[in-house]
Amino acid sequence: MTILILWLRSLLFYLFLFAYVTLCASIVVIMIPFSSTSARYQIGVFWSKTTLWVLAKLCGIEYRVQGLENIPKDEKTPLIILGKHQSAWETIAYPSVFPKPLCFVFKRELLYLPFFGWALASLKMIHINRGDAEKARVLVASQGKLQLAEGKWIAIYPEGTRTRAGSFSPYRKGGVRLALATQTNILPVAQNSGRFWPRNSILKRPGVITVSIGSVIEVAGKNEVELQQELETVIESEMHRLDPHSYHH
């Protein structure tokens, strides 16, 4: 496939994504007075699955999931998902991958986007000001406890922002601190999405993204340093296995 065709297909996908996000977000906003948060979340799940299908058809990007057996069978089990963050792909895909409603922790600037931001606000997730680290930490701790109590799983990207494929950015501690404060176990997730959907790039390259769900990391009996080190080691070692080409310098 020539580079020109890849560019054209990538542009077509973005045109679709813009129109489809606007449509689905508008439906969510219209439904706010007449629906529950969980019902509106299910529209997001449908949007996620449809978008992934179109991405596969237009850009040739498919995905597979390894480690589904590591997801607790009892969906009432509280859980904090901490995952690698290389592109926008995982933010689209996670509602399709995980069986429980997710509460994402995200930067508050997303709320300012027309339609999408309004719909996102209605889902009552955790939005933070990344410029005020202390306030963000307190907010994640307090809101995270409430969301876990409501039966949601918390999804956090501990790097704080998208990172280039093959790179490492020290993980922020908010997710680990929340896990310790609530004694909630961690589900580590790695995915090589940056190989096919690079950050800050319109071009999409065909291939199969692998999502690797690791074994649950138990928090009992561990301190913050130990838990943080275990999390980084588990995810980053798995990233080297999933995408050795990007880490070979």
Protein backbone atom coordinates (compact mmCIF):
# COMPACT_ATOMS: atom_id res chain seq x y z
CA MET A 1 0.00 0.00 0.00
CA THR A 2 1.52 3.32 -1.07
CA ILE A 3 2.06 6.16 1.36
CA LEU A 4 -0.42 8.33 -0.55
CA ILE A 5 -3.19 5.76 -0.12
CA LEU A 6 -2.34 5.49 3.59
CA TRP A 7 -2.67 9.27 3.95
CA LEU A 8 -5.98 9.32 2.10
CA ARG A 9 -7.42 6.51 4.18
CA SER A 10 -6.20 8.16 7.37
CA LEU A 11 -7.86 11.43 6.39
CA LEU A 12 -11.08 9.63 5.56
CA PHE A 13 -11.01 8.00 8.97
CA TYR A 14 -10.63 11.36 10.70
CA LEU A 15 -13.52 12.80 8.70
CA PHE A 16 -15.63 9.84 9.79
CA LEU A 17 -14.44 10.15 13.40
CA PHE A 18 -15.30 13.84 13.60
CA ALA A 19 -18.79 13.32 12.17
CA TYR A 20 -19.50 10.19 14.20
CA VAL A 21 -18.29 11.67 17.49
CA THR A 22 -20.50 14.69 16.88
CA LEU A 23 -23.51 12.48 16.13
CA CYS A 24 -23.11 10.13 19.10
CA ALA A 25 -22.22 12.94 21.51
CA SER A 26 -25.30 14.88 20.39
CA ILE A 27 -27.48 11.84 21.11
CA VAL A 28 -25.93 11.54 24.57
CA VAL A 29 -26.53 15.23 25.31
CA ILE A 30 -30.15 15.01 24.16
CA MET A 31 -30.66 11.97 26.38
CA ILE A 32 -29.27 13.54 29.57
CA PRO A 33 -32.65 14.48 31.10
CA PHE A 34 -34.20 11.11 30.26
CA SER A 35 -31.46 8.56 30.94
CA SER A 36 -29.04 7.20 33.51
CA THR A 37 -25.26 7.55 33.39
CA SER A 38 -24.94 3.81 32.68
CA ALA A 39 -27.34 4.04 29.73
CA ARG A 40 -25.34 6.91 28.23
CA TYR A 41 -22.13 4.94 28.80
CA GLN A 42 -23.55 2.12 26.67
CA ILE A 43 -23.83 4.55 23.78
CA GLY A 44 -20.13 5.14 24.29
CA VAL A 45 -19.50 1.40 24.12
CA PHE A 46 -21.43 1.20 20.83
CA TRP A 47 -19.45 4.18 19.52
CA SER A 48 -16.22 2.47 20.53
CA LYS A 49 -17.02 -0.79 18.77
CA THR A 50 -18.24 0.92 15.61
CA THR A 51 -15.21 3.20 15.45
CA LEU A 52 -12.82 0.25 15.82
CA TRP A 53 -14.66 -1.55 12.99
CA VAL A 54 -14.36 1.46 10.67
CA LEU A 55 -10.70 1.90 11.63
CA ALA A 56 -10.05 -1.70 10.57
CA LYS A 57 -11.87 -1.27 7.27
CA LEU A 58 -10.36 2.10 6.31
CA CYS A 59 -6.87 1.94 7.79
CA GLY A 60 -6.26 -1.76 8.24
CA ILE A 61 -5.70 -1.43 12.01
CA GLU A 62 -7.14 -4.38 13.88
CA TYR A 63 -6.53 -5.56 17.42
CA ARG A 64 -6.29 -8.64 19.57
CA VAL A 65 -6.46 -9.02 23.32
CA GLN A 66 -4.21 -11.29 25.35
CA GLY A 67 -4.76 -12.11 29.02
CA LEU A 68 -8.56 -11.87 29.16
CA GLU A 69 -8.38 -14.63 31.77
CA ASN A 70 -6.67 -12.13 34.10
CA ILE A 71 -9.81 -9.99 34.33
CA PRO A 72 -11.63 -10.96 37.56
CA LYS A 73 -14.63 -13.15 36.80
CA ASP A 74 -16.71 -11.45 39.48
CA GLU A 75 -17.53 -8.05 38.00
CA LYS A 76 -18.36 -6.77 41.48
CA THR A 77 -14.66 -6.95 42.32
CA PRO A 78 -13.29 -3.37 42.50
CA LEU A 79 -10.36 -2.73 40.19
CA ILE A 80 -8.01 0.02 39.03
CA ILE A 81 -6.74 -0.33 35.46
CA LEU A 82 -3.34 1.25 34.89
CA GLY A 83 -2.19 1.13 31.29
CA LYS A 84 0.46 2.23 28.86
CA HIS A 85 -0.54 5.29 26.82
CA GLN A 86 0.90 5.71 23.33
CA SER A 87 -2.02 7.00 21.28
CA ALA A 88 -5.69 7.92 21.23
CA TRP A 89 -6.47 4.35 20.20
CA GLU A 90 -6.67 2.95 23.73
CA THR A 91 -9.05 5.68 24.86
CA ILE A 92 -11.38 4.59 22.07
CA ALA A 93 -10.86 0.86 22.61
CA TYR A 94 -11.02 0.37 26.37
CA PRO A 95 -14.85 0.51 26.61
CA SER A 96 -14.93 -2.34 24.08
CA VAL A 97 -12.19 -4.36 25.78
CA PHE A 98 -13.39 -4.30 29.39
CA PRO A 99 -16.74 -5.73 30.53
CA LYS A 100 -17.43 -3.16 33.27
CA PRO A 101 -18.30 0.55 33.00
CA LEU A 102 -15.05 2.47 33.25
CA CYS A 103 -14.38 5.78 34.93
CA PHE A 104 -11.52 7.47 33.10
CA VAL A 105 -9.24 10.04 34.71
CA PHE A 106 -8.57 12.71 32.07
CA LYS A 107 -7.43 16.30 31.63
CA ARG A 108 -10.24 18.81 32.11
CA GLU A 109 -9.49 20.54 28.79
CA LEU A 110 -11.40 17.76 27.03
CA LEU A 111 -14.60 19.09 28.58
CA TYR A 112 -14.24 22.28 26.55
CA LEU A 113 -14.64 20.45 23.23
CA PRO A 114 -18.07 21.02 21.66
CA PHE A 115 -20.42 18.02 21.76
CA PHE A 116 -17.73 15.51 22.81
CA GLY A 117 -16.86 17.44 25.97
CA TRP A 118 -20.52 17.94 26.85
CA ALA A 119 -21.22 14.24 26.47
CA LEU A 120 -18.11 13.34 28.44
CA ALA A 121 -19.18 15.61 31.29
CA SER A 122 -22.53 13.79 31.51
CA LEU A 123 -20.74 10.49 32.20
CA LYS A 124 -19.48 11.83 35.54
CA MET A 125 -15.87 10.73 35.22
CA ILE A 126 -12.83 12.30 36.91
CA HIS A 127 -11.39 15.36 35.20
CA ILE A 128 -8.26 17.00 36.59
CA ASN A 129 -6.16 20.11 36.12
CA ARG A 130 -2.75 18.76 35.20
CA GLY A 131 -1.23 22.14 36.05
CA ASP A 132 -2.07 21.69 39.74
CA ALA A 133 -0.58 18.35 40.75
CA GLU A 134 -1.54 18.53 44.42
CA LYS A 135 -5.18 19.40 43.73
CA ALA A 136 -5.32 16.69 41.07
CA ARG A 137 -4.00 14.11 43.54
CA VAL A 138 -6.63 15.01 46.13
CA LEU A 139 -9.40 14.96 43.51
CA VAL A 140 -8.40 11.55 42.14
CA ALA A 141 -8.30 10.13 45.68
CA SER A 142 -11.69 11.50 46.74
CA GLN A 143 -13.58 10.97 43.48
CA GLY A 144 -11.93 7.62 42.88
CA LYS A 145 -13.27 6.26 46.17
CA LEU A 146 -16.79 7.35 45.22
CA GLN A 147 -16.58 5.84 41.73
CA LEU A 148 -15.28 2.53 43.07
CA ALA A 149 -18.10 2.50 45.63
CA GLU A 150 -20.58 2.90 42.75
CA GLY A 151 -19.19 -0.24 41.12
CA LYS A 152 -17.12 1.32 38.34
CA TRP A 153 -13.58 0.36 37.49
CA ILE A 154 -11.11 3.27 37.37
CA ALA A 155 -8.92 3.62 34.26
CA ILE A 156 -5.77 5.73 34.56
CA TYR A 157 -2.81 6.22 32.24
CA PRO A 158 -0.01 6.68 34.79
CA GLU A 159 2.37 8.32 32.30
CA GLY A 160 -0.07 11.24 32.25
CA THR A 161 0.13 11.77 28.51
CA ARG A 162 0.79 9.87 25.30
CA THR A 163 4.38 8.69 24.86
CA ARG A 164 6.35 7.85 21.74
CA ALA A 165 6.64 4.17 20.84
CA GLY A 166 9.82 2.76 22.35
CA SER A 167 10.13 5.45 25.02
CA PHE A 168 9.65 5.44 28.78
CA SER A 169 8.25 8.23 30.93
CA PRO A 170 8.32 7.75 34.72
CA TYR A 171 4.86 6.87 35.94
CA ARG A 172 2.92 9.31 38.06
CA LYS A 173 1.86 8.01 41.44
CA GLY A 174 -1.84 8.94 41.50
CA GLY A 175 -3.04 5.50 40.45
CA VAL A 176 -0.87 3.64 42.93
CA ARG A 177 -1.83 6.00 45.74
CA LEU A 178 -5.51 5.50 44.98
CA ALA A 179 -5.01 1.73 44.96
CA LEU A 180 -3.31 1.85 48.35
CA ALA A 181 -5.82 4.28 49.87
CA THR A 182 -8.76 2.09 48.85
CA GLN A 183 -6.93 -1.26 49.04
CA THR A 184 -8.02 -1.91 45.47
CA ASN A 185 -5.95 -4.24 43.31
CA ILE A 186 -4.40 -3.10 40.02
CA LEU A 187 -4.86 -4.56 36.55
CA PRO A 188 -1.77 -3.67 34.46
CA VAL A 189 -2.27 -3.23 30.71
CA ALA A 190 0.25 -2.86 27.89
CA GLN A 191 -0.53 -2.16 24.24
CA ASN A 192 1.67 -1.38 21.26
CA SER A 193 -0.78 1.09 19.70
CA GLY A 194 1.92 3.69 19.04
CA ARG A 195 3.42 1.43 16.41
CA PHE A 196 0.38 1.84 14.16
CA TRP A 197 -1.28 5.02 15.48
CA PRO A 198 1.64 7.29 16.42
CA ARG A 199 0.96 10.19 18.74
CA ASN A 200 0.58 13.60 17.07
CA SER A 201 0.30 12.02 13.64
CA ILE A 202 -2.58 11.81 11.19
CA LEU A 203 -1.02 8.86 9.35
CA LYS A 204 -2.24 5.42 10.41
CA ARG A 205 -0.25 2.33 9.52
CA PRO A 206 -2.01 -1.04 8.99
CA GLY A 207 -1.32 -3.81 11.45
CA VAL A 208 -2.60 -5.60 14.52
CA ILE A 209 -2.45 -3.84 17.87
CA THR A 210 -1.91 -6.23 20.75
CA VAL A 211 -3.51 -5.43 24.09
CA SER A 212 -1.85 -7.44 26.84
CA ILE A 213 -3.73 -7.64 30.15
CA GLY A 214 -1.39 -8.72 32.93
CA SER A 215 -2.07 -10.61 36.11
CA VAL A 216 -3.74 -8.61 38.89
CA ILE A 217 -1.19 -6.82 41.08
CA GLU A 218 -2.12 -7.27 44.72
CA VAL A 219 -1.73 -4.18 46.90
CA ALA A 220 -1.94 -5.84 50.32
CA GLY A 221 1.26 -5.61 52.33
CA LYS A 222 3.06 -3.29 49.89
CA ASN A 223 4.11 0.32 50.23
CA GLU A 224 3.97 3.01 47.57
CA VAL A 225 7.55 2.54 46.37
CA GLU A 226 7.21 -1.23 46.06
CA LEU A 227 3.90 -1.03 44.25
CA GLN A 228 5.08 1.67 41.85
CA GLN A 229 8.20 -0.29 40.98
CA GLU A 230 6.24 -3.48 40.40
CA LEU A 231 3.75 -1.69 38.15
CA GLU A 232 6.45 -0.07 36.00
CA THR A 233 8.40 -3.32 35.73
CA VAL A 234 5.39 -5.38 34.71
CA ILE A 235 4.12 -2.97 32.05
CA GLU A 236 7.46 -1.91 30.60
CA SER A 237 8.84 -5.45 30.35
CA GLU A 238 5.66 -6.45 28.53
CA MET A 239 6.05 -3.49 26.17
CA HIS A 240 9.52 -4.74 25.24
CA ARG A 241 8.01 -8.13 24.44
CA LEU A 242 5.13 -6.69 22.40
CA ASP A 243 7.19 -4.23 20.39
CA PRO A 244 10.88 -5.19 20.43
CA HIS A 245 11.50 -3.29 17.18
CA SER A 246 10.65 0.08 18.77
CA TYR A 247 12.91 -0.59 21.76
CA HIS A 248 15.89 -1.74 19.70
CA HIS A 249 18.24 1.24 19.40
